Protein backbone atom coordinates (compact mmCIF):
# COMPACT_ATOMS: atom_id res chain seq x y z
CA MET A 1 -29.78 -25.05 -24.70
CA SER A 2 -30.62 -21.36 -24.42
CA SER A 3 -33.96 -20.32 -22.94
CA PRO A 4 -36.37 -17.69 -24.30
CA ALA A 5 -35.24 -15.37 -21.48
CA SER A 6 -31.62 -15.58 -22.65
CA TYR A 7 -32.72 -15.01 -26.25
CA ASP A 8 -34.45 -11.83 -25.03
CA ILE A 9 -31.02 -10.53 -24.05
CA PHE A 10 -29.49 -11.60 -27.37
CA PHE A 11 -32.33 -9.95 -29.29
CA ASP A 12 -31.96 -6.66 -27.38
CA GLU A 13 -28.20 -6.71 -28.06
CA TYR A 14 -28.82 -7.41 -31.75
CA ILE A 15 -31.34 -4.57 -32.04
CA THR A 16 -28.91 -2.23 -30.29
CA LYS A 17 -26.12 -3.26 -32.67
CA ILE A 18 -27.97 -2.73 -35.95
CA ALA A 19 -29.59 0.49 -34.67
CA SER A 20 -26.14 1.98 -34.09
CA GLU A 21 -24.74 1.07 -37.51
CA THR A 22 -24.97 3.45 -40.46
CA PHE A 23 -26.02 2.30 -43.93
CA PRO A 24 -23.06 1.41 -46.20
CA GLN A 25 -22.93 3.74 -49.20
CA SER A 26 -22.51 0.75 -51.51
CA ARG A 27 -25.91 -0.76 -50.57
CA PRO A 28 -29.58 0.35 -50.71
CA LEU A 29 -31.05 2.42 -47.88
CA TRP A 30 -33.01 -0.51 -46.47
CA GLU A 31 -32.25 -3.83 -44.82
CA LEU A 32 -34.25 -6.86 -43.69
CA HIS A 33 -33.08 -8.84 -40.67
CA LEU A 34 -34.46 -12.19 -39.47
CA PHE A 35 -33.97 -13.25 -35.86
CA LYS A 36 -35.00 -16.90 -35.99
CA TYR A 37 -34.88 -17.69 -32.28
CA PRO A 38 -37.78 -17.88 -29.81
CA THR A 39 -37.96 -15.11 -27.25
CA SER A 40 -40.50 -14.65 -24.48
CA HIS A 41 -42.56 -12.52 -26.89
CA ALA A 42 -42.60 -14.48 -30.17
CA ALA A 43 -41.21 -17.48 -32.02
CA GLY A 44 -39.12 -15.20 -34.23
CA HIS A 45 -38.63 -11.58 -35.25
CA MET A 46 -38.44 -9.69 -38.54
CA ILE A 47 -36.72 -6.31 -38.49
CA PHE A 48 -37.04 -3.72 -41.25
CA LYS A 49 -34.27 -1.13 -41.10
CA ILE A 50 -35.13 1.74 -43.44
CA HIS A 51 -33.50 5.12 -43.93
CA HIS A 52 -35.73 8.14 -43.28
CA ALA A 53 -34.75 9.53 -46.69
CA LEU A 54 -37.08 6.96 -48.29
CA GLY A 55 -40.14 8.27 -46.48
CA ASP A 56 -41.71 9.07 -43.13
CA GLY A 57 -43.66 6.75 -40.86
CA TYR A 58 -46.93 7.21 -42.76
CA SER A 59 -45.38 6.30 -46.13
CA LEU A 60 -43.40 3.34 -44.82
CA MET A 61 -46.26 1.99 -42.70
CA GLY A 62 -48.60 2.19 -45.69
CA ALA A 63 -46.08 0.23 -47.76
CA LEU A 64 -45.66 -2.38 -45.02
CA LEU A 65 -49.40 -2.82 -44.51
CA SER A 66 -49.77 -3.43 -48.25
CA CYS A 67 -47.75 -6.62 -47.73
CA LEU A 68 -49.78 -7.86 -44.74
CA GLN A 69 -53.17 -9.55 -44.49
CA ASN A 70 -55.88 -10.23 -41.97
CA ALA A 71 -54.59 -13.33 -40.17
CA HIS A 72 -58.06 -14.86 -39.68
CA ASN A 73 -59.58 -14.02 -43.06
CA PRO A 74 -57.27 -12.64 -45.78
CA SER A 75 -60.29 -11.57 -47.88
CA ILE A 76 -61.39 -9.08 -45.21
CA PRO A 77 -59.38 -5.83 -45.07
CA LEU A 78 -57.71 -4.68 -41.88
CA THR A 79 -59.55 -2.07 -39.83
CA PHE A 80 -58.09 0.71 -37.71
CA PRO A 81 -59.26 2.70 -34.68
CA THR A 82 -61.21 5.84 -35.49
CA LEU A 83 -59.82 9.13 -34.25
CA LYS A 84 -62.40 11.14 -32.37
CA SER A 85 -61.76 14.40 -30.63
CA ALA A 86 -63.36 15.38 -27.37
CA LYS A 87 -66.95 16.44 -27.79
CA ASN A 88 -67.68 20.06 -28.39
CA GLU A 89 -71.16 20.88 -27.20
CA THR A 90 -71.13 24.60 -27.89
CA SER A 91 -73.97 25.93 -30.00
CA SER A 92 -73.54 27.38 -33.47
CA ARG A 93 -74.30 30.85 -32.10
CA SER A 94 -71.58 30.51 -29.48
CA ARG A 95 -69.16 29.29 -32.13
CA ALA A 96 -70.01 32.31 -34.27
CA PHE A 97 -69.17 34.69 -31.41
CA GLU A 98 -65.94 32.80 -30.74
CA PHE A 99 -64.84 32.77 -34.39
CA MET A 100 -63.02 36.11 -34.51
CA PRO A 101 -61.20 35.70 -31.18
CA LYS A 102 -60.04 32.27 -32.34
CA ILE A 103 -58.68 33.75 -35.57
CA LEU A 104 -56.82 36.46 -33.66
CA SER A 105 -55.55 33.90 -31.16
CA SER A 106 -54.35 31.65 -33.98
CA VAL A 107 -52.43 34.53 -35.59
CA PHE A 108 -50.84 35.62 -32.30
CA ASN A 109 -50.01 32.10 -31.14
CA GLY A 110 -48.74 31.21 -34.59
CA ALA A 111 -46.36 34.17 -34.66
CA TRP A 112 -45.10 33.38 -31.15
CA ASP A 113 -44.71 29.63 -31.73
CA PHE A 114 -43.05 30.15 -35.13
CA SER A 115 -40.57 32.65 -33.66
CA TRP A 116 -39.79 30.27 -30.80
CA SER A 117 -39.28 27.35 -33.21
CA ILE A 118 -36.73 29.42 -35.15
CA LEU A 119 -34.88 30.19 -31.93
CA LYS A 120 -34.87 26.49 -30.99
CA GLY A 121 -33.58 25.68 -34.46
CA THR A 122 -30.69 28.12 -34.14
CA TRP A 123 -29.53 29.28 -30.69
CA VAL A 124 -31.73 28.31 -27.73
CA GLU A 125 -30.95 24.94 -26.16
CA ASP A 126 -32.72 22.89 -23.50
CA ASP A 127 -31.02 22.43 -20.15
CA ARG A 128 -28.75 19.46 -19.64
CA THR A 129 -30.79 16.85 -17.79
CA PRO A 130 -30.71 13.10 -17.12
CA ILE A 131 -32.33 12.63 -20.55
CA ARG A 132 -30.19 15.20 -22.43
CA SER A 133 -26.41 15.15 -22.17
CA GLY A 134 -25.90 18.02 -24.64
CA VAL A 135 -22.66 16.51 -25.97
CA GLU A 136 -21.60 16.66 -29.61
CA GLY A 137 -22.07 13.60 -31.78
CA VAL A 138 -24.62 11.92 -29.54
CA GLU A 139 -26.23 10.40 -32.64
CA PHE A 140 -23.14 8.23 -33.12
CA ARG A 141 -23.15 6.80 -29.60
CA PRO A 142 -24.50 3.30 -28.84
CA VAL A 143 -28.20 3.10 -27.99
CA SER A 144 -30.45 0.63 -26.23
CA VAL A 145 -33.96 -0.22 -27.42
CA SER A 146 -36.67 -1.32 -24.99
CA THR A 147 -40.47 -1.47 -25.02
CA LEU A 148 -43.37 -1.51 -22.57
CA MET A 149 -47.04 -2.32 -23.07
CA LEU A 150 -50.12 -0.40 -21.93
CA PRO A 151 -53.72 -1.68 -22.27
CA ILE A 152 -55.74 0.49 -24.64
CA GLU A 153 -58.99 -0.28 -22.79
CA GLU A 154 -57.63 1.38 -19.64
CA ILE A 155 -56.42 4.33 -21.73
CA LYS A 156 -59.93 4.66 -23.18
CA LEU A 157 -61.46 4.68 -19.68
CA ILE A 158 -59.19 7.57 -18.73
CA LYS A 159 -59.92 9.34 -22.02
CA ASN A 160 -63.70 9.03 -21.67
CA LYS A 161 -63.80 10.13 -18.05
CA LEU A 162 -61.60 13.19 -18.66
CA GLY A 163 -63.17 14.07 -22.03
CA VAL A 164 -59.80 14.13 -23.81
CA THR A 165 -58.21 12.11 -26.61
CA ILE A 166 -56.13 8.95 -26.45
CA ASN A 167 -53.10 10.95 -27.60
CA ASP A 168 -53.63 13.37 -24.69
CA VAL A 169 -53.54 10.48 -22.20
CA ILE A 170 -50.47 8.91 -23.81
CA THR A 171 -48.57 12.20 -24.04
CA GLY A 172 -49.47 13.13 -20.45
CA THR A 173 -48.25 9.73 -19.27
CA ILE A 174 -44.96 10.13 -21.14
CA PHE A 175 -44.47 13.65 -19.78
CA MET A 176 -45.12 12.56 -16.22
CA GLY A 177 -42.85 9.53 -16.63
CA ILE A 178 -40.05 11.75 -17.91
CA ARG A 179 -40.41 14.18 -14.99
CA MET A 180 -40.44 11.27 -12.53
CA TYR A 181 -37.26 9.91 -14.11
CA ILE A 182 -35.51 13.30 -14.04
CA GLN A 183 -36.48 13.72 -10.40
CA GLU A 184 -35.26 10.20 -9.61
CA MET A 185 -31.88 10.89 -11.19
CA ASN A 186 -31.45 14.56 -10.31
CA SER A 187 -33.93 15.56 -7.61
CA GLU A 188 -32.34 18.89 -6.70
CA LYS A 189 -32.84 20.55 -10.09
CA SER A 190 -35.68 18.50 -11.56
CA SER A 191 -38.44 21.07 -11.03
CA ARG A 192 -36.51 23.91 -12.68
CA GLN A 193 -34.95 22.26 -15.74
CA ASN A 194 -36.31 23.13 -19.18
CA CYS A 195 -37.19 20.13 -21.32
CA THR A 196 -38.75 20.36 -24.80
CA ALA A 197 -40.45 17.51 -26.63
CA LEU A 198 -40.82 17.51 -30.42
CA VAL A 199 -44.20 15.94 -31.21
CA LEU A 200 -44.42 14.91 -34.87
CA LEU A 201 -47.50 16.02 -36.82
CA ASN A 202 -48.47 14.45 -40.14
CA THR A 203 -49.29 17.32 -42.56
CA ARG A 204 -51.21 15.18 -45.06
CA LEU A 205 -54.92 15.93 -45.28
CA VAL A 206 -55.84 12.23 -45.36
CA ALA A 207 -57.64 9.82 -43.07
CA GLY A 208 -56.12 6.37 -42.82
CA TYR A 209 -53.29 4.71 -44.72
CA LYS A 210 -53.03 4.36 -48.48
CA SER A 211 -51.73 1.37 -50.38
CA VAL A 212 -48.46 1.51 -52.31
CA GLN A 213 -50.40 1.71 -55.58
CA GLU A 214 -52.43 4.69 -54.33
CA MET A 215 -49.31 6.45 -53.04
CA LEU A 216 -47.50 5.94 -56.34
CA ILE A 217 -50.43 7.54 -58.18
CA GLU A 218 -50.52 10.47 -55.72
CA THR A 219 -46.77 10.79 -55.13
CA ASN A 220 -46.90 14.53 -54.49
CA LYS A 221 -49.57 14.10 -51.82
CA SER A 222 -48.81 10.80 -50.09
CA TRP A 223 -45.27 9.50 -50.39
CA GLY A 224 -42.19 11.08 -48.85
CA ASN A 225 -41.50 13.05 -45.68
CA ARG A 226 -44.51 15.22 -44.91
CA PHE A 227 -44.37 16.08 -41.25
CA VAL A 228 -43.65 19.00 -38.96
CA PHE A 229 -42.57 19.30 -35.34
CA LEU A 230 -44.80 20.68 -32.60
CA GLN A 231 -42.47 22.02 -29.90
CA VAL A 232 -44.07 21.15 -26.58
CA SER A 233 -42.52 22.08 -23.25
CA VAL A 234 -42.63 19.15 -20.84
CA PRO A 235 -44.48 20.51 -17.77
CA LYS A 236 -42.17 21.19 -14.84
CA SER A 237 -42.82 19.45 -11.54
CA SER A 238 -43.38 22.82 -9.91
CA GLU A 239 -46.07 23.71 -12.48
CA VAL A 240 -48.29 20.69 -11.84
CA SER A 241 -49.71 19.66 -8.49
CA LYS A 242 -51.66 16.53 -9.45
CA PRO A 243 -51.10 13.63 -11.90
CA LEU A 244 -54.05 14.61 -14.10
CA ASP A 245 -52.49 18.04 -14.60
CA PHE A 246 -49.93 16.40 -16.91
CA VAL A 247 -52.77 15.18 -19.15
CA TRP A 248 -54.55 18.55 -19.07
CA GLU A 249 -51.34 20.44 -19.78
CA ALA A 250 -50.37 18.13 -22.65
CA ARG A 251 -53.85 18.57 -24.14
CA ASN A 252 -53.86 22.37 -23.80
CA ILE A 253 -50.40 22.87 -25.31
CA ILE A 254 -50.87 20.47 -28.24
CA GLN A 255 -54.36 21.76 -29.05
CA ARG A 256 -53.12 25.35 -29.02
CA GLN A 257 -50.21 24.52 -31.32
CA ARG A 258 -52.38 22.49 -33.69
CA LYS A 259 -54.76 25.46 -34.01
CA SER A 260 -52.00 28.01 -34.47
CA SER A 261 -50.42 28.75 -37.83
CA ALA A 262 -46.90 27.90 -36.60
CA TRP A 263 -46.81 24.43 -38.14
CA TYR A 264 -47.92 25.83 -41.51
CA LEU A 265 -45.32 28.63 -41.35
CA THR A 266 -42.66 26.07 -40.46
CA THR A 267 -43.46 23.92 -43.50
CA ARG A 268 -43.32 27.03 -45.70
CA LEU A 269 -39.94 27.93 -44.17
CA TRP A 270 -38.64 24.46 -45.02
CA ASP A 271 -39.95 24.84 -48.58
CA ILE A 272 -38.22 28.22 -48.97
CA LEU A 273 -34.94 26.87 -47.59
CA LYS A 274 -35.14 23.90 -49.96
CA LYS A 275 -35.92 26.12 -52.96
CA PHE A 276 -33.15 28.68 -52.45
CA ARG A 277 -30.49 26.80 -50.49
CA GLY A 278 -31.19 23.14 -51.23
CA ALA A 279 -32.29 20.10 -49.25
CA GLU A 280 -29.07 20.14 -47.23
CA ALA A 281 -30.05 23.47 -45.64
CA VAL A 282 -33.38 21.99 -44.54
CA SER A 283 -31.57 18.97 -43.16
CA LYS A 284 -29.19 21.18 -41.15
CA TYR A 285 -32.09 23.24 -39.75
CA ILE A 286 -33.96 20.09 -38.65
CA TYR A 287 -30.73 18.69 -37.20
CA ARG A 288 -30.18 21.81 -35.07
CA THR A 289 -33.79 21.72 -33.89
CA LEU A 290 -33.37 18.11 -32.78
CA LYS A 291 -30.00 18.82 -31.19
CA ASN A 292 -31.33 21.76 -29.15
CA THR A 293 -34.31 19.85 -27.75
CA SER A 294 -34.57 16.82 -25.48
CA ILE A 295 -36.91 14.22 -26.94
CA VAL A 296 -38.95 13.24 -30.00
CA ILE A 297 -42.39 11.68 -29.58
CA THR A 298 -44.16 10.13 -32.55
CA ASN A 299 -47.00 7.64 -32.86
CA MET A 300 -48.65 5.42 -35.45
CA ILE A 301 -51.99 3.62 -35.50
CA GLY A 302 -51.95 -0.14 -36.04
CA PRO A 303 -54.82 -2.47 -37.02
CA LEU A 304 -57.38 -3.87 -34.62
CA GLU A 305 -57.11 -7.40 -36.03
CA GLN A 306 -54.14 -9.69 -36.02
CA MET A 307 -52.02 -9.45 -39.16
CA SER A 308 -50.07 -12.14 -40.99
CA LEU A 309 -47.12 -12.16 -43.37
CA ALA A 310 -46.93 -15.13 -45.75
CA ASN A 311 -49.44 -16.96 -43.50
CA HIS A 312 -47.30 -16.36 -40.40
CA PRO A 313 -49.34 -14.58 -37.68
CA ILE A 314 -47.78 -11.42 -36.25
CA GLU A 315 -47.86 -11.27 -32.46
CA GLY A 316 -46.62 -7.68 -32.12
CA ILE A 317 -45.29 -4.74 -34.09
CA TYR A 318 -43.52 -1.51 -33.22
CA PHE A 319 -41.15 1.00 -34.78
CA THR A 320 -38.26 3.15 -33.57
CA VAL A 321 -36.28 6.14 -34.81
CA THR A 322 -32.50 6.09 -34.47
CA GLY A 323 -29.64 8.33 -35.57
CA ALA A 324 -31.17 11.57 -34.26
CA PRO A 325 -28.90 13.94 -32.25
CA GLN A 326 -30.85 13.25 -29.06
CA CYS A 327 -30.36 10.92 -26.12
CA LEU A 328 -33.97 9.74 -26.09
CA SER A 329 -36.79 9.15 -28.56
CA VAL A 330 -40.20 7.68 -27.82
CA THR A 331 -42.40 5.97 -30.40
CA VAL A 332 -45.92 4.69 -29.81
CA MET A 333 -47.97 2.18 -31.80
CA SER A 334 -51.28 0.42 -31.20
CA TYR A 335 -51.97 -3.15 -32.31
CA MET A 336 -54.68 -5.67 -31.34
CA GLY A 337 -55.97 -3.67 -28.39
CA LYS A 338 -52.56 -2.97 -26.88
CA LEU A 339 -50.30 0.02 -26.97
CA ARG A 340 -46.55 -0.47 -27.21
CA ILE A 341 -44.18 2.34 -26.26
CA ALA A 342 -40.64 1.95 -27.61
CA LEU A 343 -37.75 3.81 -25.99
CA VAL A 344 -34.48 4.44 -27.84
CA ALA A 345 -32.01 5.76 -25.28
CA GLU A 346 -28.31 6.54 -25.22
CA LYS A 347 -26.62 3.51 -23.71
CA ASP A 348 -24.80 3.99 -20.38
CA PHE A 349 -26.35 7.47 -20.02
CA ILE A 350 -30.08 6.74 -19.62
CA ASP A 351 -31.14 3.87 -17.38
CA THR A 352 -33.95 2.34 -19.45
CA ASN A 353 -35.06 0.05 -16.62
CA VAL A 354 -35.67 3.03 -14.33
CA LEU A 355 -37.27 5.01 -17.18
CA GLN A 356 -39.66 2.14 -17.98
CA ALA A 357 -40.58 1.85 -14.31
CA CYS A 358 -41.29 5.60 -14.20
CA MET A 359 -43.54 5.35 -17.28
CA LYS A 360 -45.50 2.47 -15.74
CA ASP A 361 -45.79 4.29 -12.41
CA ALA A 362 -47.01 7.44 -14.18
CA PHE A 363 -49.76 5.48 -15.96
CA ARG A 364 -50.75 3.75 -12.71
CA VAL A 365 -50.89 7.02 -10.76
CA ILE A 366 -52.92 8.74 -13.50
CA GLY A 367 -55.34 5.78 -13.52
CA GLU A 368 -55.75 5.95 -9.75
CA ALA A 369 -56.35 9.70 -9.91
CA VAL A 370 -59.04 9.20 -12.57
CA ASN A 371 -60.93 6.79 -10.28
CA GLU A 372 -61.39 9.70 -7.87
CA PHE A 373 -62.31 12.14 -10.64
CA PRO A 374 -66.04 13.11 -10.58
CA ILE A 375 -68.12 11.93 -13.53
CA LYS A 376 -69.30 14.83 -15.69
């Protein structure tokens, strides 16, 4: 009789297999897989395989959550963590004096970031590193899927002490883990190699998920693919001297790009391409952007309570993105007070065991550094 540990291996192999397969043209762009064997994580697994053409993570997650209930009391709706930015204690007078410089900065940064995004979508490529092979057709190569868990309470402690957001802590941890992995695999060039992460930004002006019924009513505002890439340079080892610098740097770059007009200009560029040259032109532009960069990072918020499907409690949930012309993608999702990071890596090129260890070490080192950080 097989043990849960052996079923873990079978499950990973099964996930790897279906992630590498393309959708048959004779069938719908979605599949449902049941893995009815106990692993060390759960009594069974349900896998939704859905083509990105049907919608982005927000749309698909909203549809999935419409089918799920609160496991302890189905009559009570699921609740989600609130997103709060770091406190801004500047006075209204100070903000008034800073208004014009911020506008000018947004225009300048927007023009620079937009120009750079066009270059990354056409000619400029990242260096070849241990997480980017740069070979053609990497999207058709076999992949391996693995996950690791981080406690949200510890992330919140780091967030509160540094005065940043949870996303800043997560992104800084991922960046540091990537640099540690590159250095582990290629120490001689690790500090000089250029590595760009595409951080996905939801462009909908909404707070929280909407049900399927609500999205069908507001199709033009809710359903579909409504995202844009923020191109964030992974800090080089030579540019940071302490672990917390990765968190600060991630925060500074992402905040600057969020406040610039680059993401808006990029969405308008996609609209213009779609209008005059068709959806295929937009697809090719996004493909080149992905191909020329090293990694995609995207995250979703899960409920605080345990969910159930047809009265079966759900122990864990995560999502992945496959089929992109990159050797590595990282997805993040919170659920029941835990944060799960999923890694989709090119098989036999990226050592996922070493990469996971680097991610865990990065989080541990950042946590230790925070303990020595003075309270503000």
